[in-house]
Amino acid sequence: QVQFVESGGGLVQPGGSLRLSCAASLSRFSIYVLGWYRQAPGKQRELVATITGGGTTSYADSVKGRFTISRDNAKNTVYLQMNSLRPEDTAVYYCNARRPLSEWWGQGTQVTVSS
């Protein structure tokens, strides 16, 4: 049974920062494409950022220049550093790991940006 442990969410004021972490009990973790998605109330889940096993990253236009995705294969962990947070970043954030024929999701962590 694959387990994900997400942490780092919470309440932050606009302009603030948070760092999300997601540790996964996956074998051969380094071959997975890892990603962060988010879902705001009443909206569909959307892609925030991804990182390949080789370290190539991609970002949604709405977070470019503010968020940074990274991974530590030795710790089976993916991170999302979020800076200059805005109220519209408020959502439940989910980590994702995928490779051909396999895909796994974390349980989600709430991020609320509000004054």
N, C-alpha and C. Protein backbone atom coordinates (compact mmCIF):
# COMPACT_ATOMS: atom_id res chain seq x y z
N GLN A 1 0.84 -1.18 0.00
CA GLN A 1 0.00 0.00 0.00
C GLN A 1 0.88 1.24 0.00
N VAL A 2 0.68 2.09 -1.02
CA VAL A 2 1.45 3.33 -1.12
C VAL A 2 0.87 4.36 -0.16
N GLN A 3 1.74 5.03 0.55
CA GLN A 3 1.31 6.08 1.46
C GLN A 3 2.00 7.39 1.12
N PHE A 4 1.23 8.47 1.20
CA PHE A 4 1.76 9.82 1.04
C PHE A 4 1.54 10.58 2.34
N VAL A 5 2.51 11.35 2.73
CA VAL A 5 2.36 12.21 3.90
C VAL A 5 2.64 13.64 3.46
N GLU A 6 1.57 14.43 3.38
CA GLU A 6 1.68 15.83 2.99
C GLU A 6 1.72 16.70 4.24
N SER A 7 2.47 17.77 4.16
CA SER A 7 2.55 18.70 5.29
C SER A 7 2.90 20.08 4.78
N GLY A 8 2.74 21.07 5.64
CA GLY A 8 3.17 22.42 5.34
C GLY A 8 2.05 23.40 5.02
N GLY A 9 0.83 22.91 4.89
CA GLY A 9 -0.26 23.83 4.61
C GLY A 9 -0.63 24.65 5.84
N GLY A 10 -1.52 25.62 5.63
CA GLY A 10 -1.95 26.45 6.74
C GLY A 10 -2.52 27.76 6.28
N LEU A 11 -2.64 28.67 7.23
CA LEU A 11 -3.17 30.01 6.96
C LEU A 11 -2.00 31.00 6.88
N VAL A 12 -2.01 31.81 5.83
CA VAL A 12 -0.94 32.78 5.65
C VAL A 12 -1.53 34.07 5.08
N GLN A 13 -0.92 35.19 5.40
CA GLN A 13 -1.39 36.46 4.89
C GLN A 13 -0.94 36.67 3.44
N PRO A 14 -1.66 37.47 2.68
CA PRO A 14 -1.21 37.78 1.32
C PRO A 14 0.22 38.31 1.32
N GLY A 15 1.00 37.83 0.36
CA GLY A 15 2.41 38.19 0.29
C GLY A 15 3.33 37.25 1.05
N GLY A 16 2.75 36.37 1.84
CA GLY A 16 3.53 35.45 2.64
C GLY A 16 4.00 34.22 1.87
N SER A 17 4.66 33.31 2.59
CA SER A 17 5.24 32.11 1.99
C SER A 17 4.86 30.87 2.78
N LEU A 18 4.80 29.77 2.07
CA LEU A 18 4.63 28.45 2.66
C LEU A 18 5.46 27.45 1.86
N ARG A 19 5.86 26.37 2.53
CA ARG A 19 6.56 25.29 1.84
C ARG A 19 5.81 23.99 2.10
N LEU A 20 5.30 23.40 1.05
CA LEU A 20 4.62 22.12 1.15
C LEU A 20 5.61 20.99 0.93
N SER A 21 5.40 19.89 1.66
CA SER A 21 6.21 18.69 1.50
C SER A 21 5.29 17.49 1.30
N CYS A 22 5.77 16.52 0.54
CA CYS A 22 5.02 15.29 0.32
C CYS A 22 6.01 14.14 0.26
N ALA A 23 5.94 13.28 1.27
CA ALA A 23 6.81 12.11 1.33
C ALA A 23 6.00 10.88 0.89
N ALA A 24 6.57 10.09 0.00
CA ALA A 24 5.84 8.96 -0.58
C ALA A 24 6.59 7.66 -0.37
N SER A 25 5.85 6.63 -0.04
CA SER A 25 6.46 5.31 0.17
C SER A 25 6.47 4.53 -1.14
N LEU A 26 7.11 5.10 -2.14
CA LEU A 26 7.16 4.48 -3.47
C LEU A 26 8.54 3.90 -3.71
N SER A 27 8.56 2.69 -4.26
CA SER A 27 9.84 2.17 -4.69
C SER A 27 10.20 2.79 -6.04
N ARG A 28 11.48 2.89 -6.31
CA ARG A 28 11.95 3.53 -7.55
C ARG A 28 11.37 4.93 -7.71
N PHE A 29 11.37 5.66 -6.62
CA PHE A 29 10.78 7.01 -6.56
C PHE A 29 11.34 7.90 -7.66
N SER A 30 12.63 7.74 -7.97
CA SER A 30 13.29 8.67 -8.88
C SER A 30 12.75 8.62 -10.30
N ILE A 31 12.04 7.56 -10.69
CA ILE A 31 11.56 7.47 -12.06
C ILE A 31 10.19 8.11 -12.24
N TYR A 32 9.58 8.51 -11.15
CA TYR A 32 8.25 9.09 -11.24
C TYR A 32 8.31 10.57 -11.62
N VAL A 33 7.35 10.99 -12.44
CA VAL A 33 7.09 12.41 -12.64
C VAL A 33 6.22 12.85 -11.46
N LEU A 34 6.67 13.86 -10.76
CA LEU A 34 5.97 14.34 -9.57
C LEU A 34 5.29 15.66 -9.86
N GLY A 35 4.17 15.88 -9.22
CA GLY A 35 3.45 17.12 -9.46
C GLY A 35 2.67 17.58 -8.25
N TRP A 36 2.31 18.84 -8.30
CA TRP A 36 1.39 19.43 -7.33
C TRP A 36 0.18 19.95 -8.10
N TYR A 37 -0.99 19.63 -7.59
CA TYR A 37 -2.25 20.11 -8.13
C TYR A 37 -2.99 20.83 -7.01
N ARG A 38 -3.99 21.61 -7.39
CA ARG A 38 -4.79 22.26 -6.37
C ARG A 38 -6.25 22.32 -6.81
N GLN A 39 -7.13 22.38 -5.82
CA GLN A 39 -8.56 22.46 -6.10
C GLN A 39 -9.18 23.45 -5.14
N ALA A 40 -9.71 24.53 -5.70
CA ALA A 40 -10.42 25.53 -4.90
C ALA A 40 -11.90 25.15 -4.83
N PRO A 41 -12.62 25.65 -3.83
CA PRO A 41 -14.05 25.32 -3.71
C PRO A 41 -14.81 25.69 -4.97
N GLY A 42 -15.59 24.73 -5.47
CA GLY A 42 -16.41 24.97 -6.64
C GLY A 42 -15.67 24.95 -7.97
N LYS A 43 -14.38 24.63 -7.92
CA LYS A 43 -13.59 24.62 -9.14
C LYS A 43 -12.99 23.24 -9.38
N GLN A 44 -12.55 23.01 -10.63
CA GLN A 44 -11.91 21.75 -10.96
C GLN A 44 -10.46 21.75 -10.45
N ARG A 45 -9.97 20.54 -10.24
CA ARG A 45 -8.58 20.41 -9.86
C ARG A 45 -7.70 20.87 -11.03
N GLU A 46 -6.65 21.63 -10.71
CA GLU A 46 -5.78 22.15 -11.75
C GLU A 46 -4.32 21.85 -11.42
N LEU A 47 -3.54 21.74 -12.49
CA LEU A 47 -2.11 21.48 -12.35
C LEU A 47 -1.40 22.76 -11.91
N VAL A 48 -0.51 22.63 -10.93
CA VAL A 48 0.27 23.76 -10.47
C VAL A 48 1.70 23.68 -11.00
N ALA A 49 2.33 22.51 -10.81
CA ALA A 49 3.73 22.36 -11.22
C ALA A 49 4.07 20.88 -11.31
N THR A 50 5.05 20.57 -12.17
CA THR A 50 5.55 19.21 -12.27
C THR A 50 7.08 19.22 -12.32
N ILE A 51 7.65 18.06 -11.98
CA ILE A 51 9.10 17.89 -12.07
C ILE A 51 9.38 16.45 -12.50
N THR A 52 10.23 16.29 -13.51
CA THR A 52 10.56 14.96 -13.99
C THR A 52 11.66 14.34 -13.13
N GLY A 53 11.95 13.08 -13.42
CA GLY A 53 13.04 12.43 -12.71
C GLY A 53 14.38 13.11 -12.95
N GLY A 54 14.52 13.72 -14.11
CA GLY A 54 15.76 14.42 -14.44
C GLY A 54 15.81 15.84 -13.94
N GLY A 55 14.72 16.30 -13.33
CA GLY A 55 14.70 17.63 -12.74
C GLY A 55 14.11 18.72 -13.60
N THR A 56 13.55 18.36 -14.75
CA THR A 56 12.90 19.37 -15.60
C THR A 56 11.57 19.78 -14.98
N THR A 57 11.35 21.07 -14.87
CA THR A 57 10.16 21.59 -14.21
C THR A 57 9.25 22.31 -15.19
N SER A 58 7.98 22.36 -14.83
CA SER A 58 7.01 23.16 -15.58
C SER A 58 6.00 23.72 -14.59
N TYR A 59 5.41 24.86 -14.94
CA TYR A 59 4.53 25.57 -14.02
C TYR A 59 3.30 26.11 -14.75
N ALA A 60 2.20 26.20 -14.01
CA ALA A 60 1.05 26.92 -14.52
C ALA A 60 1.41 28.40 -14.61
N ASP A 61 0.85 29.08 -15.61
CA ASP A 61 1.17 30.50 -15.79
C ASP A 61 0.87 31.32 -14.54
N SER A 62 -0.16 30.93 -13.81
CA SER A 62 -0.60 31.70 -12.65
C SER A 62 0.40 31.68 -11.49
N VAL A 63 1.34 30.73 -11.51
CA VAL A 63 2.29 30.62 -10.39
C VAL A 63 3.74 30.82 -10.81
N LYS A 64 3.98 30.99 -12.10
CA LYS A 64 5.36 31.17 -12.58
C LYS A 64 6.01 32.37 -11.89
N GLY A 65 7.24 32.16 -11.45
CA GLY A 65 7.97 33.23 -10.78
C GLY A 65 7.68 33.34 -9.30
N ARG A 66 6.66 32.62 -8.82
CA ARG A 66 6.31 32.67 -7.40
C ARG A 66 6.49 31.33 -6.70
N PHE A 67 6.21 30.25 -7.42
CA PHE A 67 6.30 28.90 -6.84
C PHE A 67 7.50 28.16 -7.42
N THR A 68 8.09 27.27 -6.62
CA THR A 68 9.20 26.44 -7.07
C THR A 68 8.98 25.01 -6.61
N ILE A 69 8.99 24.08 -7.56
CA ILE A 69 8.88 22.66 -7.24
C ILE A 69 10.28 22.06 -7.23
N SER A 70 10.50 21.14 -6.29
CA SER A 70 11.79 20.46 -6.21
C SER A 70 11.56 19.06 -5.64
N ARG A 71 12.59 18.24 -5.74
CA ARG A 71 12.48 16.87 -5.25
C ARG A 71 13.78 16.43 -4.61
N ASP A 72 13.68 15.54 -3.65
CA ASP A 72 14.83 14.91 -3.01
C ASP A 72 14.60 13.41 -3.11
N ASN A 73 15.22 12.77 -4.08
CA ASN A 73 14.98 11.35 -4.31
C ASN A 73 15.50 10.49 -3.16
N ALA A 74 16.52 10.96 -2.46
CA ALA A 74 17.04 10.21 -1.32
C ALA A 74 16.03 10.15 -0.17
N LYS A 75 15.16 11.15 -0.11
CA LYS A 75 14.14 11.20 0.94
C LYS A 75 12.75 10.85 0.42
N ASN A 76 12.64 10.49 -0.86
CA ASN A 76 11.33 10.19 -1.46
C ASN A 76 10.34 11.32 -1.23
N THR A 77 10.80 12.54 -1.42
CA THR A 77 9.99 13.70 -1.07
C THR A 77 9.99 14.72 -2.21
N VAL A 78 8.82 15.33 -2.41
CA VAL A 78 8.67 16.44 -3.34
C VAL A 78 8.21 17.65 -2.55
N TYR A 79 8.68 18.81 -2.96
CA TYR A 79 8.39 20.06 -2.26
C TYR A 79 7.74 21.07 -3.20
N LEU A 80 7.02 22.01 -2.60
CA LEU A 80 6.52 23.16 -3.34
C LEU A 80 6.74 24.40 -2.47
N GLN A 81 7.68 25.21 -2.88
CA GLN A 81 7.93 26.48 -2.20
C GLN A 81 7.01 27.53 -2.83
N MET A 82 6.20 28.16 -2.01
CA MET A 82 5.21 29.12 -2.50
C MET A 82 5.51 30.49 -1.88
N ASN A 83 5.84 31.44 -2.72
CA ASN A 83 6.14 32.80 -2.27
C ASN A 83 5.12 33.77 -2.86
N SER A 84 5.07 34.95 -2.29
CA SER A 84 4.16 36.01 -2.78
C SER A 84 2.75 35.47 -2.94
N LEU A 85 2.27 34.79 -1.93
CA LEU A 85 0.96 34.15 -2.02
C LEU A 85 -0.15 35.18 -2.13
N ARG A 86 -1.19 34.77 -2.86
CA ARG A 86 -2.34 35.62 -3.13
C ARG A 86 -3.61 34.91 -2.65
N PRO A 87 -4.67 35.66 -2.38
CA PRO A 87 -5.92 35.01 -1.97
C PRO A 87 -6.40 33.96 -2.97
N GLU A 88 -6.15 34.19 -4.24
CA GLU A 88 -6.60 33.22 -5.25
C GLU A 88 -5.78 31.93 -5.26
N ASP A 89 -4.72 31.86 -4.46
CA ASP A 89 -3.99 30.60 -4.30
C ASP A 89 -4.64 29.69 -3.26
N THR A 90 -5.66 30.18 -2.60
CA THR A 90 -6.36 29.38 -1.60
C THR A 90 -6.98 28.15 -2.25
N ALA A 91 -6.64 26.97 -1.70
CA ALA A 91 -7.11 25.71 -2.28
C ALA A 91 -6.58 24.55 -1.43
N VAL A 92 -7.09 23.37 -1.72
CA VAL A 92 -6.46 22.15 -1.22
C VAL A 92 -5.41 21.73 -2.24
N TYR A 93 -4.19 21.51 -1.77
CA TYR A 93 -3.08 21.16 -2.63
C TYR A 93 -2.79 19.66 -2.50
N TYR A 94 -2.66 19.00 -3.64
CA TYR A 94 -2.44 17.56 -3.69
C TYR A 94 -1.11 17.25 -4.40
N CYS A 95 -0.35 16.33 -3.85
CA CYS A 95 0.82 15.86 -4.58
C CYS A 95 0.42 14.66 -5.43
N ASN A 96 1.16 14.46 -6.49
CA ASN A 96 0.86 13.41 -7.46
C ASN A 96 2.16 12.78 -7.93
N ALA A 97 2.12 11.48 -8.13
CA ALA A 97 3.27 10.76 -8.67
C ALA A 97 2.77 9.84 -9.77
N ARG A 98 3.42 9.90 -10.94
CA ARG A 98 2.93 9.07 -12.03
C ARG A 98 4.09 8.55 -12.87
N ARG A 99 3.85 7.39 -13.43
CA ARG A 99 4.71 6.78 -14.44
C ARG A 99 3.79 5.93 -15.29
N PRO A 100 4.23 5.42 -16.40
CA PRO A 100 3.33 4.62 -17.24
C PRO A 100 2.62 3.52 -16.44
N LEU A 101 1.32 3.51 -16.52
CA LEU A 101 0.43 2.52 -15.90
C LEU A 101 0.28 2.69 -14.39
N SER A 102 0.84 3.73 -13.82
CA SER A 102 0.69 3.94 -12.38
C SER A 102 0.54 5.42 -12.07
N GLU A 103 -0.37 5.72 -11.15
CA GLU A 103 -0.56 7.10 -10.71
C GLU A 103 -1.06 7.07 -9.28
N TRP A 104 -0.49 7.95 -8.47
CA TRP A 104 -0.83 7.99 -7.05
C TRP A 104 -1.06 9.43 -6.62
N TRP A 105 -1.96 9.60 -5.63
CA TRP A 105 -2.31 10.92 -5.13
C TRP A 105 -2.13 10.98 -3.61
N GLY A 106 -1.69 12.16 -3.16
CA GLY A 106 -1.67 12.43 -1.74
C GLY A 106 -3.06 12.78 -1.24
N GLN A 107 -3.20 12.93 0.07
CA GLN A 107 -4.51 13.16 0.68
C GLN A 107 -4.93 14.63 0.63
N GLY A 108 -4.00 15.51 0.33
CA GLY A 108 -4.31 16.94 0.22
C GLY A 108 -4.00 17.69 1.50
N THR A 109 -3.59 18.95 1.32
CA THR A 109 -3.34 19.83 2.46
C THR A 109 -3.92 21.20 2.13
N GLN A 110 -4.59 21.80 3.10
CA GLN A 110 -5.28 23.06 2.87
C GLN A 110 -4.30 24.23 2.96
N VAL A 111 -4.39 25.11 1.98
CA VAL A 111 -3.65 26.38 1.99
C VAL A 111 -4.68 27.50 1.91
N THR A 112 -4.66 28.38 2.89
CA THR A 112 -5.58 29.51 2.92
C THR A 112 -4.77 30.80 2.99
N VAL A 113 -5.02 31.68 2.03
CA VAL A 113 -4.34 32.97 1.98
C VAL A 113 -5.37 34.05 2.27
N SER A 114 -5.24 34.67 3.43
CA SER A 114 -6.24 35.64 3.85
C SER A 114 -5.65 36.56 4.90
N SER A 115 -6.12 37.80 4.89
CA SER A 115 -5.70 38.75 5.92
C SER A 115 -6.69 38.75 7.07
